[in-house]
N, C-alpha and C. Protein backbone atom coordinates (compact mmCIF):
# COMPACT_ATOMS: atom_id res chain seq x y z
N ARG A 1 -6.91 0.30 -5.45
CA ARG A 1 -6.72 -0.83 -4.57
C ARG A 1 -5.96 -0.39 -3.34
N LEU A 2 -6.31 -0.97 -2.20
CA LEU A 2 -5.71 -0.61 -0.93
C LEU A 2 -5.22 -1.86 -0.24
N LEU A 3 -3.96 -1.85 0.16
CA LEU A 3 -3.33 -2.97 0.85
C LEU A 3 -3.04 -2.52 2.28
N VAL A 4 -3.56 -3.28 3.27
CA VAL A 4 -3.45 -2.91 4.68
C VAL A 4 -2.69 -3.99 5.42
N GLN A 5 -1.78 -3.59 6.29
CA GLN A 5 -1.06 -4.54 7.13
C GLN A 5 -2.02 -5.14 8.16
N GLU A 6 -1.99 -6.47 8.34
CA GLU A 6 -2.93 -7.16 9.23
C GLU A 6 -2.95 -6.60 10.64
N SER A 7 -1.80 -6.24 11.19
CA SER A 7 -1.77 -5.73 12.56
C SER A 7 -2.50 -4.40 12.70
N LEU A 8 -2.74 -3.71 11.59
CA LEU A 8 -3.44 -2.43 11.64
C LEU A 8 -4.94 -2.55 11.42
N LEU A 9 -5.42 -3.74 11.04
CA LEU A 9 -6.84 -3.92 10.76
C LEU A 9 -7.74 -3.53 11.94
N PRO A 10 -7.39 -3.89 13.19
CA PRO A 10 -8.27 -3.51 14.29
C PRO A 10 -8.41 -1.99 14.45
N THR A 11 -7.46 -1.23 13.98
CA THR A 11 -7.53 0.22 14.13
C THR A 11 -8.19 0.91 12.94
N VAL A 12 -8.46 0.14 11.87
CA VAL A 12 -9.13 0.72 10.71
C VAL A 12 -10.60 0.89 11.06
N LYS A 13 -11.06 2.10 11.07
CA LYS A 13 -12.42 2.39 11.46
C LYS A 13 -13.35 2.25 10.25
N GLU A 14 -14.52 1.67 10.49
CA GLU A 14 -15.53 1.53 9.44
C GLU A 14 -15.83 2.87 8.78
N GLY A 15 -15.85 3.94 9.56
CA GLY A 15 -16.15 5.26 9.02
C GLY A 15 -15.11 5.75 8.03
N LEU A 16 -13.86 5.31 8.21
CA LEU A 16 -12.80 5.73 7.28
C LEU A 16 -12.90 4.97 5.97
N ILE A 17 -13.36 3.72 6.04
CA ILE A 17 -13.42 2.87 4.85
C ILE A 17 -14.75 3.01 4.12
N ARG A 18 -15.83 3.28 4.83
CA ARG A 18 -17.16 3.31 4.23
C ARG A 18 -17.24 4.14 2.95
N PRO A 19 -16.67 5.35 2.92
CA PRO A 19 -16.80 6.15 1.68
C PRO A 19 -16.12 5.53 0.46
N VAL A 20 -15.14 4.65 0.67
CA VAL A 20 -14.40 4.11 -0.47
C VAL A 20 -14.61 2.63 -0.71
N LYS A 21 -15.24 1.89 0.23
CA LYS A 21 -15.25 0.44 0.12
C LYS A 21 -16.00 -0.08 -1.09
N ASP A 22 -16.94 0.70 -1.64
CA ASP A 22 -17.63 0.26 -2.85
C ASP A 22 -16.81 0.54 -4.10
N LYS A 23 -15.79 1.37 -3.98
CA LYS A 23 -14.98 1.77 -5.12
C LYS A 23 -13.57 1.20 -5.08
N VAL A 24 -13.17 0.69 -3.90
CA VAL A 24 -11.80 0.26 -3.70
C VAL A 24 -11.78 -1.19 -3.22
N GLU A 25 -10.96 -1.99 -3.84
CA GLU A 25 -10.75 -3.36 -3.37
C GLU A 25 -9.70 -3.33 -2.27
N ILE A 26 -9.99 -3.99 -1.15
CA ILE A 26 -9.09 -3.96 0.00
C ILE A 26 -8.60 -5.37 0.29
N ARG A 27 -7.30 -5.50 0.51
CA ARG A 27 -6.69 -6.76 0.91
C ARG A 27 -5.77 -6.51 2.10
N SER A 28 -5.50 -7.59 2.84
CA SER A 28 -4.58 -7.47 3.98
C SER A 28 -3.42 -8.44 3.80
N ILE A 29 -2.31 -8.07 4.38
CA ILE A 29 -1.07 -8.85 4.29
C ILE A 29 -0.38 -8.78 5.66
N PRO A 30 0.33 -9.83 6.06
CA PRO A 30 0.96 -9.81 7.38
C PRO A 30 1.88 -8.61 7.62
N LYS A 31 2.70 -8.24 6.64
CA LYS A 31 3.65 -7.14 6.84
C LYS A 31 3.78 -6.35 5.54
N ILE A 32 3.63 -5.05 5.65
CA ILE A 32 3.82 -4.16 4.51
C ILE A 32 5.31 -3.89 4.36
N CYS A 33 5.84 -4.08 3.16
CA CYS A 33 7.28 -3.86 2.96
C CYS A 33 7.59 -2.43 2.52
N ALA A 34 6.58 -1.70 2.05
CA ALA A 34 6.79 -0.33 1.61
C ALA A 34 5.44 0.35 1.47
N ILE A 35 5.44 1.66 1.65
CA ILE A 35 4.24 2.45 1.35
C ILE A 35 4.39 2.88 -0.10
N ILE A 36 3.41 2.53 -0.92
CA ILE A 36 3.46 2.87 -2.33
C ILE A 36 2.19 3.62 -2.71
N VAL A 37 2.37 4.81 -3.25
CA VAL A 37 1.26 5.57 -3.81
C VAL A 37 1.59 5.70 -5.29
N LEU A 38 0.74 5.10 -6.12
CA LEU A 38 1.05 4.98 -7.54
C LEU A 38 -0.12 5.43 -8.40
N THR A 39 0.17 6.33 -9.33
CA THR A 39 -0.81 6.72 -10.35
C THR A 39 -0.21 6.36 -11.70
N GLU A 40 -0.89 6.73 -12.75
CA GLU A 40 -0.37 6.45 -14.09
C GLU A 40 0.90 7.24 -14.39
N LYS A 41 1.08 8.39 -13.70
CA LYS A 41 2.19 9.28 -14.03
C LYS A 41 3.21 9.49 -12.93
N HIS A 42 2.86 9.15 -11.67
CA HIS A 42 3.76 9.44 -10.55
C HIS A 42 3.75 8.30 -9.54
N VAL A 43 4.86 8.21 -8.80
CA VAL A 43 4.95 7.24 -7.71
C VAL A 43 5.64 7.89 -6.52
N GLY A 44 5.16 7.53 -5.33
CA GLY A 44 5.82 7.90 -4.08
C GLY A 44 6.05 6.61 -3.30
N ILE A 45 7.25 6.42 -2.78
CA ILE A 45 7.60 5.18 -2.08
C ILE A 45 8.22 5.53 -0.74
N GLY A 46 7.67 4.97 0.34
CA GLY A 46 8.23 5.10 1.68
C GLY A 46 8.71 3.74 2.14
N LEU A 47 9.92 3.67 2.67
CA LEU A 47 10.51 2.41 3.11
C LEU A 47 10.71 2.41 4.62
N PRO A 48 10.79 1.23 5.23
CA PRO A 48 11.00 1.19 6.68
C PRO A 48 12.41 1.61 7.06
N LYS A 49 12.53 2.16 8.29
CA LYS A 49 13.84 2.50 8.84
C LYS A 49 14.48 1.23 9.40
N LEU A 50 15.69 1.34 9.86
CA LEU A 50 16.41 0.18 10.40
C LEU A 50 15.70 -0.44 11.60
N ASP A 51 14.95 0.38 12.35
CA ASP A 51 14.24 -0.16 13.52
C ASP A 51 12.91 -0.81 13.14
N GLY A 52 12.58 -0.83 11.85
CA GLY A 52 11.36 -1.47 11.38
C GLY A 52 10.17 -0.55 11.26
N LYS A 53 10.24 0.64 11.87
CA LYS A 53 9.15 1.59 11.76
C LYS A 53 9.19 2.25 10.39
N MET A 54 8.00 2.58 9.88
CA MET A 54 7.93 3.15 8.54
C MET A 54 8.47 4.57 8.54
N ASP A 55 9.28 4.89 7.56
CA ASP A 55 9.81 6.23 7.37
C ASP A 55 8.88 6.94 6.39
N TYR A 56 8.31 8.05 6.80
CA TYR A 56 7.35 8.74 5.95
C TYR A 56 8.00 9.77 5.03
N MET A 57 9.32 9.80 5.01
CA MET A 57 10.03 10.54 3.97
C MET A 57 9.95 9.65 2.73
N ILE A 58 9.55 10.21 1.61
CA ILE A 58 9.33 9.35 0.45
C ILE A 58 10.30 9.66 -0.69
N PHE A 59 10.49 8.64 -1.51
CA PHE A 59 11.16 8.81 -2.79
C PHE A 59 10.05 9.03 -3.80
N ALA A 60 10.24 9.95 -4.71
CA ALA A 60 9.24 10.23 -5.73
C ALA A 60 9.85 10.03 -7.10
N GLY A 61 9.02 9.60 -8.03
CA GLY A 61 9.51 9.42 -9.39
C GLY A 61 8.39 9.53 -10.40
N ASP A 62 8.78 9.82 -11.62
CA ASP A 62 7.80 9.85 -12.71
C ASP A 62 8.37 9.24 -13.99
N ASP A 63 9.54 8.63 -13.87
CA ASP A 63 10.16 8.00 -15.03
C ASP A 63 9.59 6.58 -15.19
N PRO A 64 9.61 6.05 -16.40
CA PRO A 64 9.02 4.73 -16.65
C PRO A 64 9.62 3.60 -15.80
N GLU A 65 10.92 3.66 -15.53
CA GLU A 65 11.54 2.60 -14.74
C GLU A 65 11.02 2.59 -13.30
N SER A 66 10.89 3.77 -12.70
CA SER A 66 10.36 3.87 -11.34
C SER A 66 8.92 3.40 -11.26
N LEU A 67 8.11 3.81 -12.25
CA LEU A 67 6.71 3.41 -12.27
C LEU A 67 6.58 1.89 -12.42
N LYS A 68 7.40 1.29 -13.26
CA LYS A 68 7.34 -0.16 -13.45
C LYS A 68 7.78 -0.89 -12.19
N TRP A 69 8.89 -0.44 -11.58
CA TRP A 69 9.39 -1.08 -10.36
C TRP A 69 8.34 -1.04 -9.26
N ALA A 70 7.74 0.13 -9.04
CA ALA A 70 6.74 0.27 -7.99
C ALA A 70 5.50 -0.57 -8.31
N GLY A 71 5.10 -0.58 -9.56
CA GLY A 71 3.94 -1.39 -9.96
C GLY A 71 4.19 -2.87 -9.76
N ASP A 72 5.39 -3.32 -10.11
CA ASP A 72 5.74 -4.73 -9.92
C ASP A 72 5.77 -5.10 -8.44
N LEU A 73 6.33 -4.22 -7.60
CA LEU A 73 6.38 -4.48 -6.16
C LEU A 73 4.96 -4.55 -5.58
N PHE A 74 4.11 -3.60 -5.96
CA PHE A 74 2.74 -3.61 -5.46
C PHE A 74 2.02 -4.89 -5.91
N GLU A 75 2.13 -5.25 -7.17
CA GLU A 75 1.46 -6.45 -7.68
C GLU A 75 1.94 -7.71 -6.94
N ASP A 76 3.24 -7.79 -6.65
CA ASP A 76 3.77 -8.93 -5.90
C ASP A 76 3.12 -9.02 -4.53
N GLN A 77 3.04 -7.90 -3.82
CA GLN A 77 2.44 -7.88 -2.50
C GLN A 77 0.93 -8.14 -2.57
N TRP A 78 0.28 -7.59 -3.59
CA TRP A 78 -1.16 -7.77 -3.77
C TRP A 78 -1.51 -9.25 -3.95
N LYS A 79 -0.72 -9.94 -4.75
CA LYS A 79 -0.96 -11.37 -5.00
C LYS A 79 -0.79 -12.21 -3.73
N LYS A 80 0.04 -11.76 -2.80
CA LYS A 80 0.28 -12.49 -1.55
C LYS A 80 -0.78 -12.17 -0.49
N ALA A 81 -1.54 -11.11 -0.70
CA ALA A 81 -2.52 -10.65 0.29
C ALA A 81 -3.84 -11.40 0.13
N LYS A 82 -4.67 -11.31 1.18
CA LYS A 82 -5.99 -11.95 1.13
C LYS A 82 -7.07 -10.86 1.19
N PRO A 83 -8.19 -11.10 0.54
CA PRO A 83 -9.28 -10.12 0.54
C PRO A 83 -9.74 -9.80 1.95
N TRP A 84 -10.12 -8.56 2.16
CA TRP A 84 -10.63 -8.12 3.46
C TRP A 84 -11.95 -7.40 3.25
N HIS A 85 -12.93 -7.78 4.04
CA HIS A 85 -14.25 -7.16 3.98
C HIS A 85 -14.65 -6.74 5.39
N PRO A 86 -14.71 -5.44 5.64
CA PRO A 86 -15.06 -4.97 6.98
C PRO A 86 -16.49 -5.35 7.36
């Protein structure tokens, strides 16, 4: 699943999404609160800096607590997002 910030939708190119759109559900949300890359075994989390711009330095984890926290945060944001179809 892919969650995209609404302000970035105009810059998302059809060519970038085409290879994955049949395999990935895409939703949009007004503001992304964190970058989350989550697998069954690992998580990477990037948070915004004080100026609001995203910091691409990430926190990484593989412990059950980190995986649950990141999964819960993603699910919360996913439920607030609306489906997007290019």
